[in-house]
Amino acid sequence: MFAASTLVPDQHCIATFAGAAVLVLHLGAAVTPAHGGGGEAVKIADAWVHAAEQVGGNVVLSMTIRNEADVADALLRVRCPVANFSEKHTVDRGEGSPAMRAIPSIPIAASSTTVLKPDAYHVMLLQTRQMLAAGEAFNCAIVFQKAGTIETEVKVHGLP
């Protein structure tokens, strides 16, 4: 048998439990994807790469990202079945010729459109696993800090 005092929690335990519940609810709200005025806040359009005639090469993944939310977001990672790895890049235009530099994330400003392209922010798909012929398409998972994962179709354009 249990003593009555073990069955009835004291006020300290109730307050601790209530505080933990509020914290969990608050954290749940913090990881909820950001949404604008209805629908998904982040939209991806015109995702494409140039054709690749050999396996094991690198291609630039270009796309247009529209953030309709009132808060900034960040592109954290890209997973595509046609490449072993991906890296997020920016182009430094310091002294000498422009140079690509790997970065941990690509900032996506609130209520804006960001165009990923070879001479600006972009994603490199590294070590392609297959040839990429013009007219083909494949899907990639684009992972954002707030909007979460968005599956998008990537079209293969002709060689530059």
Protein backbone atom coordinates (compact mmCIF):
# COMPACT_ATOMS: atom_id res chain seq x y z
CA MET A 1 0.00 0.00 0.00
CA PHE A 2 1.04 3.58 -0.66
CA ALA A 3 0.75 6.34 1.86
CA ALA A 4 -1.65 9.11 0.90
CA SER A 5 1.24 11.57 0.69
CA THR A 6 2.81 9.60 -2.18
CA LEU A 7 -0.40 9.66 -4.22
CA VAL A 8 -1.02 13.41 -4.00
CA PRO A 9 1.79 15.51 -5.49
CA ASP A 10 2.86 18.57 -3.58
CA GLN A 11 2.44 22.06 -5.03
CA HIS A 12 6.12 22.23 -6.01
CA CYS A 13 5.71 19.18 -8.28
CA ILE A 14 2.54 20.60 -9.86
CA ALA A 15 4.28 23.94 -10.55
CA THR A 16 7.30 22.16 -12.06
CA PHE A 17 5.07 20.04 -14.29
CA ALA A 18 3.06 23.09 -15.41
CA GLY A 19 6.27 24.98 -16.17
CA ALA A 20 7.60 22.06 -18.22
CA ALA A 21 4.32 21.84 -20.17
CA VAL A 22 4.50 25.55 -21.02
CA LEU A 23 8.13 25.13 -22.14
CA VAL A 24 7.23 22.18 -24.38
CA LEU A 25 4.37 24.14 -25.95
CA HIS A 26 6.65 27.12 -26.50
CA LEU A 27 9.37 24.96 -28.09
CA GLY A 28 6.77 23.30 -30.30
CA ALA A 29 5.75 26.71 -31.59
CA ALA A 30 9.39 27.57 -32.27
CA VAL A 31 9.88 24.61 -34.63
CA THR A 32 6.61 25.04 -36.46
CA PRO A 33 7.27 26.04 -40.08
CA ALA A 34 6.80 29.74 -40.76
CA HIS A 35 3.74 30.47 -42.87
CA GLY A 36 2.70 33.62 -44.67
CA GLY A 37 -0.87 34.57 -45.48
CA GLY A 38 -2.06 31.01 -46.15
CA GLY A 39 -0.21 28.12 -47.73
CA GLU A 40 3.51 27.46 -47.52
CA ALA A 41 5.70 30.45 -46.76
CA VAL A 42 8.66 29.31 -48.87
CA LYS A 43 8.19 28.42 -52.52
CA ILE A 44 10.78 27.09 -54.96
CA ALA A 45 10.55 27.66 -58.70
CA ASP A 46 12.72 27.11 -61.76
CA ALA A 47 15.15 24.61 -60.21
CA TRP A 48 17.62 23.43 -62.84
CA VAL A 49 21.12 22.16 -63.60
CA HIS A 50 23.16 22.01 -66.80
CA ALA A 51 23.57 18.63 -68.48
CA ALA A 52 26.55 16.51 -67.38
CA GLU A 53 28.09 14.16 -69.94
CA GLN A 54 30.17 12.26 -67.40
CA VAL A 55 29.70 10.65 -64.01
CA GLY A 56 31.62 12.08 -61.04
CA GLY A 57 31.50 15.73 -62.06
CA ASN A 58 30.04 18.74 -60.29
CA VAL A 59 27.04 20.83 -61.39
CA VAL A 60 25.52 24.06 -60.13
CA LEU A 61 21.93 23.78 -58.88
CA SER A 62 20.13 27.04 -59.67
CA MET A 63 16.65 27.98 -58.44
CA THR A 64 14.39 30.82 -57.37
CA ILE A 65 13.28 30.87 -53.71
CA ARG A 66 10.36 33.08 -52.66
CA ASN A 67 9.97 33.64 -48.91
CA GLU A 68 6.47 34.99 -48.25
CA ALA A 69 6.90 34.86 -44.46
CA ASP A 70 7.51 37.89 -42.25
CA VAL A 71 10.65 36.22 -40.87
CA ALA A 72 13.96 35.37 -42.49
CA ASP A 73 14.87 31.75 -43.18
CA ALA A 74 18.00 29.90 -44.28
CA LEU A 75 18.71 27.11 -46.75
CA LEU A 76 20.57 24.52 -44.67
CA ARG A 77 21.03 21.47 -46.90
CA VAL A 78 20.15 19.87 -50.22
CA ARG A 79 19.79 16.15 -50.83
CA CYS A 80 19.61 14.92 -54.43
CA PRO A 81 19.80 11.28 -55.56
CA VAL A 82 21.98 12.24 -58.56
CA ALA A 83 24.94 13.47 -56.45
CA ASN A 84 26.96 12.13 -53.54
CA PHE A 85 27.24 15.51 -51.81
CA SER A 86 26.09 19.10 -51.99
CA GLU A 87 27.67 22.35 -50.81
CA LYS A 88 26.23 25.81 -50.40
CA HIS A 89 28.43 28.49 -51.97
CA THR A 90 28.81 32.22 -52.25
CA VAL A 91 31.04 34.03 -54.70
CA ASP A 92 33.72 36.32 -53.25
CA ARG A 93 34.60 39.26 -55.45
CA GLY A 94 37.66 40.47 -53.57
CA GLU A 95 40.98 41.11 -55.18
CA GLY A 96 41.62 39.11 -58.32
CA SER A 97 39.06 36.94 -60.03
CA PRO A 98 35.81 35.89 -58.30
CA ALA A 99 36.13 32.72 -56.22
CA MET A 100 33.55 30.28 -54.84
CA ARG A 101 33.55 29.76 -51.08
CA ALA A 102 31.60 27.10 -49.17
CA ILE A 103 29.23 28.50 -46.52
CA PRO A 104 27.14 26.78 -43.81
CA SER A 105 23.79 28.18 -45.00
CA ILE A 106 22.26 30.53 -47.55
CA PRO A 107 20.25 33.39 -45.99
CA ILE A 108 16.71 33.86 -47.29
CA ALA A 109 15.40 37.31 -46.31
CA ALA A 110 11.81 37.79 -45.12
CA SER A 111 9.25 38.76 -47.77
CA SER A 112 11.75 38.46 -50.61
CA THR A 113 12.92 36.47 -53.61
CA THR A 114 16.40 34.95 -53.70
CA VAL A 115 17.80 33.65 -56.97
CA LEU A 116 20.49 30.98 -56.67
CA LYS A 117 22.79 31.14 -59.72
CA PRO A 118 26.44 30.39 -60.56
CA ASP A 119 27.77 33.93 -59.98
CA ALA A 120 25.96 34.45 -56.64
CA TYR A 121 24.62 32.19 -53.90
CA HIS A 122 24.20 28.68 -55.29
CA VAL A 123 24.32 24.99 -54.44
CA MET A 124 26.93 22.69 -55.96
CA LEU A 125 25.94 19.07 -56.51
CA LEU A 126 29.24 17.21 -56.12
CA GLN A 127 30.31 13.87 -57.55
CA THR A 128 27.33 13.20 -59.80
CA ARG A 129 26.26 9.55 -59.77
CA GLN A 130 24.95 9.51 -63.33
CA MET A 131 25.02 11.40 -66.59
CA LEU A 132 22.44 14.18 -66.78
CA ALA A 133 20.87 14.61 -70.22
CA ALA A 134 18.96 17.70 -71.34
CA GLY A 135 15.23 17.20 -70.93
CA GLU A 136 15.51 14.88 -67.92
CA ALA A 137 14.30 15.78 -64.44
CA PHE A 138 14.89 14.55 -60.89
CA ASN A 139 13.71 15.49 -57.40
CA CYS A 140 15.73 17.06 -54.58
CA ALA A 141 14.91 17.69 -50.94
CA ILE A 142 15.68 21.31 -50.04
CA VAL A 143 15.93 21.79 -46.26
CA PHE A 144 15.24 25.18 -44.67
CA GLN A 145 15.74 26.22 -41.05
CA LYS A 146 12.13 27.34 -40.51
CA ALA A 147 10.15 26.09 -43.51
CA GLY A 148 11.44 22.53 -43.17
CA THR A 149 12.00 20.19 -46.11
CA ILE A 150 10.54 21.01 -49.52
CA GLU A 151 10.68 18.45 -52.33
CA THR A 152 11.24 20.11 -55.69
CA GLU A 153 11.67 18.96 -59.27
CA VAL A 154 14.96 19.87 -60.92
CA LYS A 155 15.11 20.07 -64.72
CA VAL A 156 18.22 19.37 -66.75
CA HIS A 157 19.01 22.06 -69.33
CA GLY A 158 21.40 21.75 -72.27
CA LEU A 159 25.14 22.28 -71.93
CA PRO A 160 26.27 25.91 -71.44
